[in-house]
Amino acid sequence: MHDLRLGVIGAGQRSTLAATAHRPGRGCRITAVCDTDPAALTRLPAERAFTDYRDLLDDDGVDAVLVATPDDTHAEIAIAALRVGKAVYLEKPLAITIADCDEVLRTAADTGTRLYLGHNMRHMGVVRLMREVIARGEIGEPKTIWVRHFVGRGGEYYFKDWHADRRRTTGLLLQKAAHDLDVIHWLAGGYTERVSAFGDLMMYGNLDRRPPGTPPAEGWLREWPWPPSASTGLHHLIDVEDVSVMNMRLDNGVIAAYQQCHFSPDYWRNYTVIGTHGRLENLGDGPGSVVQVWNSGQSACREPDHTYRVPAATGGHGGADEAIMEEFLRFARHGGPTDTSPVAARMSVAAGYLATLSLRDGGTPFDVPPLDAATLRYFMPEKLSD
């Protein structure tokens, strides 16, 4: 069986993910790479290099593409790739508007081309462990989920480049939260149908900025100034929020809340899921962290009834990068079910997009529009089997 020939579009910060797919003689090899920065083209062991993604898509030596470009380009590139029959791995988020998400899904359905979404948190050990605990019925039926996201290094990671510009992301409540909103839906077994939110630019709005057209300083991603107010050289345009809080009602009645802060001293996510017979909570979100369960109904302020340790893993994102790439390569070649879902990716973007509209409109609630029936039938025929 010949290797799947992979083209990589975008060789920036996520080029390490693409590198895990390069396995000559073992199922996949990177044959082409594209980036608008010529210096980035040497980061991956590709046979051919391009600076225009359309030239890569015209390459007959590419079977599938991995798209890891800035968020505002995802829909355009994915649609172009699907129309020429290339299987697509698309880094989250699916797009930065609901309309663009729906157009990508319609294109995949119309062309019958395989579309895969890089929601790698579904392969993180802590998320899979929480899902297993819920599936075993240890806390009964989930009824409410709370997520606190402490984004340490937020100033460096999200306020020194294009992430700070809402034209490129809609907002960090979509860009950064797409993972967590997807996990909330996965653990709860439902999708958000109504959302409201509040948020503000509390820390990074009045700090030192670079002039337009000036690149970040060398080594900027390795910096971590403390306190955050000491950050310098931020992007010239900052119009996204660094604190946000959103509330959701899901279509199965579950009520959820998500909170995000980009000037926290630590960097991790804390999930709390309360069901009809107990509660679970994670302490830490990487290998070696724990998921604790309270389900005996005893008095307050006591030790958990069960403590489960997140299994050890190697590689990026706590081992999730390797696992998700294995799933994509199998899907691109053979199809079949996957733990990630294009429909779920659309629903996480929809929740984050409308929450962003809400927080910029004084907390006005918004209802999530349904995906059209024909597209839903293509991706999830079981949903419309009745």
Protein backbone atom coordinates (compact mmCIF):
# COMPACT_ATOMS: atom_id res chain seq x y z
CA MET A 1 0.00 0.00 0.00
CA HIS A 2 1.52 3.32 -1.04
CA ASP A 3 1.99 6.21 1.35
CA LEU A 4 -0.72 8.85 1.56
CA ARG A 5 0.79 11.96 -0.02
CA LEU A 6 0.16 14.91 2.30
CA GLY A 7 0.36 18.59 1.49
CA VAL A 8 0.73 21.01 4.40
CA ILE A 9 -0.69 24.53 4.05
CA GLY A 10 0.70 26.70 6.83
CA ALA A 11 4.08 25.81 8.34
CA GLY A 12 4.04 28.10 11.36
CA GLN A 13 3.51 27.25 15.02
CA ARG A 14 1.59 24.05 14.27
CA SER A 15 4.22 22.62 11.92
CA THR A 16 5.15 20.22 14.74
CA LEU A 17 1.72 18.61 14.36
CA ALA A 18 2.24 18.12 10.64
CA ALA A 19 5.68 16.64 11.30
CA THR A 20 4.07 13.75 13.20
CA ALA A 21 2.39 12.69 9.94
CA HIS A 22 5.65 12.28 8.01
CA ARG A 23 6.27 8.51 8.05
CA PRO A 24 7.82 7.53 4.72
CA GLY A 25 7.19 3.87 4.01
CA ARG A 26 4.81 3.66 6.98
CA GLY A 27 1.63 5.11 5.56
CA CYS A 28 2.22 8.82 4.93
CA ARG A 29 4.79 11.26 3.67
CA ILE A 30 4.72 15.03 3.28
CA THR A 31 5.17 15.72 -0.41
CA ALA A 32 4.40 19.46 -0.52
CA VAL A 33 4.34 22.43 1.82
CA CYS A 34 2.97 25.94 1.39
CA ASP A 35 3.51 29.09 3.43
CA THR A 36 3.53 32.77 2.58
CA ASP A 37 6.75 33.09 4.58
CA PRO A 38 9.57 31.54 2.52
CA ALA A 39 11.60 30.97 5.68
CA ALA A 40 8.90 28.62 7.03
CA LEU A 41 9.13 26.32 4.01
CA THR A 42 12.22 24.59 5.41
CA ARG A 43 10.54 23.49 8.64
CA LEU A 44 9.05 20.36 7.09
CA PRO A 45 10.73 17.64 4.97
CA ALA A 46 8.62 18.28 1.86
CA GLU A 47 9.66 17.46 -1.69
CA ARG A 48 8.06 20.60 -3.16
CA ALA A 49 7.41 24.06 -1.73
CA PHE A 50 4.88 26.76 -2.67
CA THR A 51 3.95 30.23 -1.46
CA ASP A 52 0.40 30.11 -2.91
CA TYR A 53 -1.94 27.40 -1.61
CA ARG A 54 -3.68 27.18 -4.98
CA ASP A 55 -0.48 25.94 -6.56
CA LEU A 56 -0.25 23.20 -3.96
CA LEU A 57 -3.86 22.17 -4.59
CA ASP A 58 -3.05 21.85 -8.30
CA ASP A 59 -0.24 19.41 -7.49
CA ASP A 60 -1.15 15.88 -8.66
CA GLY A 61 1.31 14.51 -6.09
CA VAL A 62 -0.95 15.48 -3.16
CA ASP A 63 -3.79 13.24 -1.95
CA ALA A 64 -4.78 15.13 1.20
CA VAL A 65 -4.02 18.49 2.83
CA LEU A 66 -3.47 19.64 6.38
CA VAL A 67 -4.55 23.27 6.81
CA ALA A 68 -2.89 25.12 9.69
CA THR A 69 -3.16 28.73 8.55
CA PRO A 70 -4.63 31.72 10.46
CA ASP A 71 -8.28 31.30 11.37
CA ASP A 72 -9.74 33.74 8.86
CA THR A 73 -8.34 31.71 5.95
CA HIS A 74 -9.68 28.31 7.01
CA ALA A 75 -12.96 28.40 5.13
CA GLU A 76 -11.53 29.67 1.84
CA ILE A 77 -8.71 27.11 1.74
CA ALA A 78 -10.86 24.19 2.92
CA ILE A 79 -13.55 24.90 0.32
CA ALA A 80 -10.95 25.11 -2.46
CA ALA A 81 -9.36 21.82 -1.38
CA LEU A 82 -12.69 20.01 -1.10
CA ARG A 83 -13.72 21.16 -4.58
CA VAL A 84 -10.66 19.52 -6.13
CA GLY A 85 -11.23 16.28 -4.20
CA LYS A 86 -8.45 16.55 -1.61
CA ALA A 87 -9.23 15.09 1.82
CA VAL A 88 -8.87 17.90 4.37
CA TYR A 89 -7.52 18.09 7.90
CA LEU A 90 -8.56 21.51 9.19
CA GLU A 91 -7.09 22.90 12.39
CA LYS A 92 -9.64 24.35 14.76
CA PRO A 93 -11.70 26.43 14.51
CA LEU A 94 -13.66 25.29 11.47
CA ALA A 95 -14.13 28.98 10.53
CA ILE A 96 -14.72 32.29 12.30
CA THR A 97 -18.40 32.74 11.36
CA ILE A 98 -21.39 30.41 11.32
CA ALA A 99 -22.03 31.17 7.65
CA ASP A 100 -18.51 30.14 6.66
CA CYS A 101 -18.76 26.96 8.74
CA ASP A 102 -21.96 26.01 6.95
CA GLU A 103 -20.43 26.69 3.54
CA VAL A 104 -17.48 24.40 4.30
CA LEU A 105 -19.81 21.62 5.43
CA ARG A 106 -22.08 22.04 2.40
CA THR A 107 -19.08 21.84 0.10
CA ALA A 108 -17.88 18.62 1.74
CA ALA A 109 -21.38 17.15 1.45
CA ASP A 110 -21.87 18.27 -2.18
CA THR A 111 -18.49 16.90 -3.31
CA GLY A 112 -18.45 13.81 -1.09
CA THR A 113 -14.90 14.71 -0.03
CA ARG A 114 -13.58 13.72 3.39
CA LEU A 115 -13.38 16.55 5.93
CA TYR A 116 -11.68 16.12 9.31
CA LEU A 117 -11.51 18.66 12.14
CA GLY A 118 -8.48 18.99 14.39
CA HIS A 119 -10.23 19.09 17.75
CA ASN A 120 -7.34 17.33 19.41
CA MET A 121 -8.72 17.77 22.94
CA ARG A 122 -11.04 14.83 22.21
CA HIS A 123 -7.84 12.78 22.26
CA MET A 124 -6.36 14.34 25.42
CA GLY A 125 -6.07 11.90 28.29
CA VAL A 126 -7.95 14.06 30.79
CA VAL A 127 -10.93 14.54 28.47
CA ARG A 128 -11.14 10.86 27.55
CA LEU A 129 -10.92 9.91 31.23
CA MET A 130 -13.77 12.28 32.17
CA ARG A 131 -15.86 10.91 29.32
CA GLU A 132 -15.19 7.33 30.47
CA VAL A 133 -16.27 8.19 34.03
CA ILE A 134 -19.50 9.70 32.73
CA ALA A 135 -20.13 6.76 30.37
CA ARG A 136 -19.78 4.33 33.29
CA GLY A 137 -22.57 6.20 35.06
CA GLU A 138 -20.44 7.16 38.06
CA ILE A 139 -22.08 10.59 38.36
CA GLY A 140 -25.40 9.70 36.74
CA GLU A 141 -26.81 11.86 33.96
CA PRO A 142 -24.88 15.14 33.47
CA LYS A 143 -26.98 18.18 34.29
CA THR A 144 -24.54 21.09 34.53
CA ILE A 145 -20.94 21.71 33.45
CA TRP A 146 -18.62 24.53 34.53
CA VAL A 147 -15.29 25.25 32.89
CA ARG A 148 -12.62 27.69 34.08
CA HIS A 149 -9.83 28.33 31.59
CA PHE A 150 -6.70 29.92 33.04
CA VAL A 151 -4.72 31.17 30.03
CA GLY A 152 -1.23 31.83 31.33
CA ARG A 153 1.08 33.57 28.83
CA GLY A 154 -2.06 34.95 27.20
CA GLY A 155 -0.36 38.24 26.41
CA GLU A 156 2.44 36.50 24.54
CA TYR A 157 0.37 33.89 22.74
CA TYR A 158 -2.67 35.93 21.76
CA PHE A 159 -1.93 39.65 21.92
CA LYS A 160 1.31 39.90 19.93
CA ASP A 161 0.10 38.70 16.53
CA TRP A 162 -3.02 38.33 14.38
CA HIS A 163 -5.01 36.72 17.21
CA ALA A 164 -5.54 40.21 18.68
CA ASP A 165 -7.44 41.39 15.60
CA ARG A 166 -11.13 40.45 15.63
CA ARG A 167 -11.20 40.52 11.82
CA ARG A 168 -8.90 37.47 11.92
CA THR A 169 -10.57 35.53 14.77
CA THR A 170 -13.98 37.10 15.60
CA GLY A 171 -12.69 36.91 19.19
CA LEU A 172 -10.76 34.72 21.59
CA LEU A 173 -14.01 33.37 22.97
CA LEU A 174 -14.31 31.63 19.61
CA GLN A 175 -10.65 31.05 18.71
CA LYS A 176 -9.42 29.88 22.09
CA ALA A 177 -12.66 28.39 23.40
CA ALA A 178 -13.60 26.28 20.36
CA HIS A 179 -11.81 23.32 21.96
CA ASP A 180 -13.49 23.68 25.34
CA LEU A 181 -16.96 24.32 23.96
CA ASP A 182 -16.60 21.17 21.88
CA VAL A 183 -15.57 19.21 24.97
CA ILE A 184 -18.56 20.58 26.92
CA HIS A 185 -20.84 19.34 24.14
CA TRP A 186 -19.06 15.96 24.03
CA LEU A 187 -19.31 15.38 27.77
CA ALA A 188 -22.89 16.64 27.99
CA GLY A 189 -24.18 14.77 24.94
CA GLY A 190 -25.84 17.85 23.45
CA TYR A 191 -25.23 21.10 21.59
CA THR A 192 -25.71 24.70 22.70
CA GLU A 193 -29.04 26.16 21.62
CA ARG A 194 -29.01 29.50 23.53
CA VAL A 195 -26.09 31.59 24.77
CA SER A 196 -25.28 34.88 26.48
CA ALA A 197 -21.98 36.36 27.61
CA PHE A 198 -20.04 39.25 29.14
CA GLY A 199 -16.43 40.20 28.51
CA ASP A 200 -13.91 43.02 28.42
CA LEU A 201 -10.37 44.03 27.48
CA MET A 202 -9.07 44.53 31.02
CA MET A 203 -5.30 44.04 30.86
CA TYR A 204 -3.79 44.39 27.39
CA GLY A 205 -5.71 47.36 26.04
CA ASN A 206 -3.33 50.09 27.17
CA LEU A 207 0.09 48.41 27.18
CA ASP A 208 3.06 49.01 24.87
CA ARG A 209 2.39 48.14 21.21
CA ARG A 210 4.55 47.72 18.12
CA PRO A 211 4.08 50.03 15.12
CA PRO A 212 2.03 48.54 12.24
CA GLY A 213 4.12 46.31 9.98
CA THR A 214 6.69 45.57 12.67
CA PRO A 215 7.20 41.85 13.46
CA PRO A 216 7.33 40.57 17.06
CA ALA A 217 10.72 40.49 18.73
CA GLU A 218 12.89 37.40 18.25
CA GLY A 219 11.92 34.66 20.69
CA TRP A 220 8.64 36.30 21.64
CA LEU A 221 6.81 33.01 22.17
CA ARG A 222 9.36 31.98 24.81
CA GLU A 223 8.83 35.09 26.91
CA TRP A 224 6.62 35.25 29.97
CA PRO A 225 6.79 38.68 31.59
CA TRP A 226 5.36 38.93 35.05
CA PRO A 227 3.19 40.64 36.03
CA PRO A 228 1.21 40.74 32.76
CA SER A 229 1.18 44.54 32.92
CA ALA A 230 4.92 44.35 32.11
CA SER A 231 4.17 43.01 28.61
CA THR A 232 5.66 45.05 25.78
CA GLY A 233 5.67 44.92 22.00
CA LEU A 234 2.02 43.91 21.66
CA HIS A 235 0.21 43.86 18.30
CA HIS A 236 -0.60 47.34 16.98
CA LEU A 237 -4.32 46.50 16.81
CA ILE A 238 -6.00 44.90 19.83
CA ASP A 239 -9.78 44.70 19.75
CA VAL A 240 -10.52 41.29 21.29
CA GLU A 241 -11.39 40.63 24.91
CA ASP A 242 -8.94 39.18 27.46
CA VAL A 243 -11.67 38.18 29.95
CA SER A 244 -14.94 36.50 29.00
CA VAL A 245 -17.74 34.61 30.73
CA MET A 246 -20.49 32.78 28.84
CA ASN A 247 -23.58 30.80 29.81
CA MET A 248 -25.20 28.13 27.65
CA ARG A 249 -28.37 26.10 27.58
CA LEU A 250 -27.95 22.90 25.58
CA ASP A 251 -30.60 21.17 23.50
CA ASN A 252 -30.84 18.34 26.05
CA GLY A 253 -31.46 20.71 28.97
CA VAL A 254 -27.90 20.80 30.32
CA ILE A 255 -26.81 24.23 31.56
CA ALA A 256 -23.12 25.08 31.14
CA ALA A 257 -20.76 27.95 31.86
CA TYR A 258 -17.34 28.81 30.44
CA GLN A 259 -14.88 31.38 31.79
CA GLN A 260 -11.61 32.51 30.19
CA CYS A 261 -8.87 34.83 31.50
CA HIS A 262 -5.70 35.67 29.56
CA PHE A 263 -3.66 37.14 32.41
CA SER A 264 -3.75 34.26 34.85
CA PRO A 265 -0.41 33.17 36.40
CA ASP A 266 -1.13 29.51 35.50
CA TYR A 267 -2.18 27.72 32.31
CA TRP A 268 -4.74 24.91 32.54
CA ARG A 269 -8.42 24.08 32.35
CA ASN A 270 -10.66 23.04 35.21
CA TYR A 271 -13.83 21.09 34.38
CA THR A 272 -16.63 20.38 36.83
CA VAL A 273 -19.47 18.10 35.74
CA ILE A 274 -22.41 17.56 38.09
CA GLY A 275 -24.85 14.76 37.37
CA THR A 276 -27.88 13.22 39.00
CA HIS A 277 -25.71 10.96 41.18
CA GLY A 278 -22.42 12.75 41.69
CA ARG A 279 -19.77 15.22 40.59
CA LEU A 280 -16.41 14.99 38.85
CA GLU A 281 -13.61 17.54 38.65
CA ASN A 282 -10.13 17.52 37.17
CA LEU A 283 -7.06 18.92 38.93
CA GLY A 284 -4.58 19.65 36.16
CA ASP A 285 -5.17 18.76 32.54
CA GLY A 286 -1.99 16.98 31.45
CA PRO A 287 -0.56 13.51 32.03
CA GLY A 288 -0.25 12.82 35.75
CA SER A 289 -3.18 15.08 36.62
CA VAL A 290 -6.20 13.59 38.36
CA VAL A 291 -9.95 13.36 37.91
CA GLN A 292 -11.80 13.16 41.22
CA VAL A 293 -15.34 11.84 41.73
CA TRP A 294 -17.75 12.48 44.58
CA ASN A 295 -20.77 10.16 44.43
CA SER A 296 -21.54 8.71 47.86
CA GLY A 297 -23.71 11.59 49.07
CA GLN A 298 -21.81 11.99 52.35
CA SER A 299 -21.18 15.26 54.18
CA ALA A 300 -19.50 18.24 52.60
CA CYS A 301 -15.77 19.09 52.73
CA ARG A 302 -14.52 15.52 52.52
CA GLU A 303 -12.16 13.55 50.33
CA PRO A 304 -13.43 12.32 46.93
CA ASP A 305 -14.84 8.82 46.68
CA HIS A 306 -12.61 7.99 43.72
CA THR A 307 -9.44 9.51 42.25
CA TYR A 308 -8.28 8.56 38.76
CA ARG A 309 -4.89 9.53 37.38
CA VAL A 310 -4.60 10.76 33.81
CA PRO A 311 -2.41 8.24 31.97
CA ALA A 312 1.13 9.10 30.93
CA ALA A 313 1.60 10.21 27.33
CA THR A 314 4.31 11.50 25.06
CA GLY A 315 4.28 14.11 22.33
CA GLY A 316 2.50 17.40 21.79
CA HIS A 317 -0.66 18.44 23.63
CA GLY A 318 -0.29 15.63 26.14
CA GLY A 319 -0.05 12.94 23.47
CA ALA A 320 -3.19 14.12 21.67
CA ASP A 321 -1.36 15.33 18.56
CA GLU A 322 -0.08 11.88 17.66
CA ALA A 323 -3.43 10.26 18.37
CA ILE A 324 -5.43 12.71 16.30
CA MET A 325 -3.01 12.42 13.40
CA GLU A 326 -3.36 8.63 13.47
CA GLU A 327 -7.12 9.04 13.27
CA PHE A 328 -6.94 11.53 10.41
CA LEU A 329 -4.58 9.43 8.32
CA ARG A 330 -6.83 6.39 8.71
CA PHE A 331 -9.90 8.48 7.88
CA ALA A 332 -8.30 10.14 4.85
CA ARG A 333 -7.38 6.76 3.41
CA HIS A 334 -10.31 4.56 4.42
CA GLY A 335 -13.10 6.78 5.81
CA GLY A 336 -15.22 5.45 8.67
CA PRO A 337 -16.23 6.87 12.06
CA THR A 338 -14.03 9.30 13.98
CA ASP A 339 -14.05 10.75 17.48
CA THR A 340 -13.98 14.26 16.03
CA SER A 341 -16.96 15.62 14.12
CA PRO A 342 -17.43 18.40 11.53
CA VAL A 343 -20.94 19.01 12.85
CA ALA A 344 -19.65 19.28 16.42
CA ALA A 345 -16.96 21.68 15.21
CA ARG A 346 -19.64 23.85 13.61
CA MET A 347 -21.65 23.86 16.82
CA SER A 348 -18.68 24.92 18.96
CA VAL A 349 -17.97 27.80 16.56
CA ALA A 350 -21.64 28.77 16.59
CA ALA A 351 -21.68 28.93 20.39
CA GLY A 352 -18.45 30.95 20.55
CA TYR A 353 -19.46 33.25 17.69
CA LEU A 354 -22.85 34.12 19.19
CA ALA A 355 -21.37 34.48 22.66
CA THR A 356 -18.95 37.03 21.21
CA LEU A 357 -21.84 38.94 19.65
CA SER A 358 -23.60 38.78 23.01
CA LEU A 359 -20.74 40.15 25.09
CA ARG A 360 -20.35 43.03 22.62
CA ASP A 361 -24.07 43.75 22.95
CA GLY A 362 -24.39 43.94 26.71
CA GLY A 363 -25.11 40.25 27.26
CA THR A 364 -28.04 39.92 24.84
CA PRO A 365 -29.02 36.23 24.50
CA PHE A 366 -28.79 34.60 21.07
CA ASP A 367 -30.24 31.36 19.74
CA VAL A 368 -28.00 29.04 17.70
CA PRO A 369 -29.42 28.47 14.20
CA PRO A 370 -29.76 24.81 13.21
CA LEU A 371 -27.62 23.26 10.49
CA ASP A 372 -29.63 22.71 7.32
CA ALA A 373 -31.21 19.26 7.09
CA ALA A 374 -29.43 18.13 3.92
CA THR A 375 -25.97 18.81 5.34
CA LEU A 376 -26.85 17.26 8.67
CA ARG A 377 -28.15 14.17 6.87
CA TYR A 378 -24.82 13.78 5.05
CA PHE A 379 -22.68 13.94 8.19
CA MET A 380 -25.09 12.46 10.75
CA PRO A 381 -27.83 10.46 9.01
CA GLU A 382 -28.85 8.89 12.32
CA LYS A 383 -30.05 12.31 13.53
CA LEU A 384 -32.72 12.40 10.83
CA SER A 385 -33.55 8.71 10.66
CA ASP A 386 -36.98 9.30 12.12
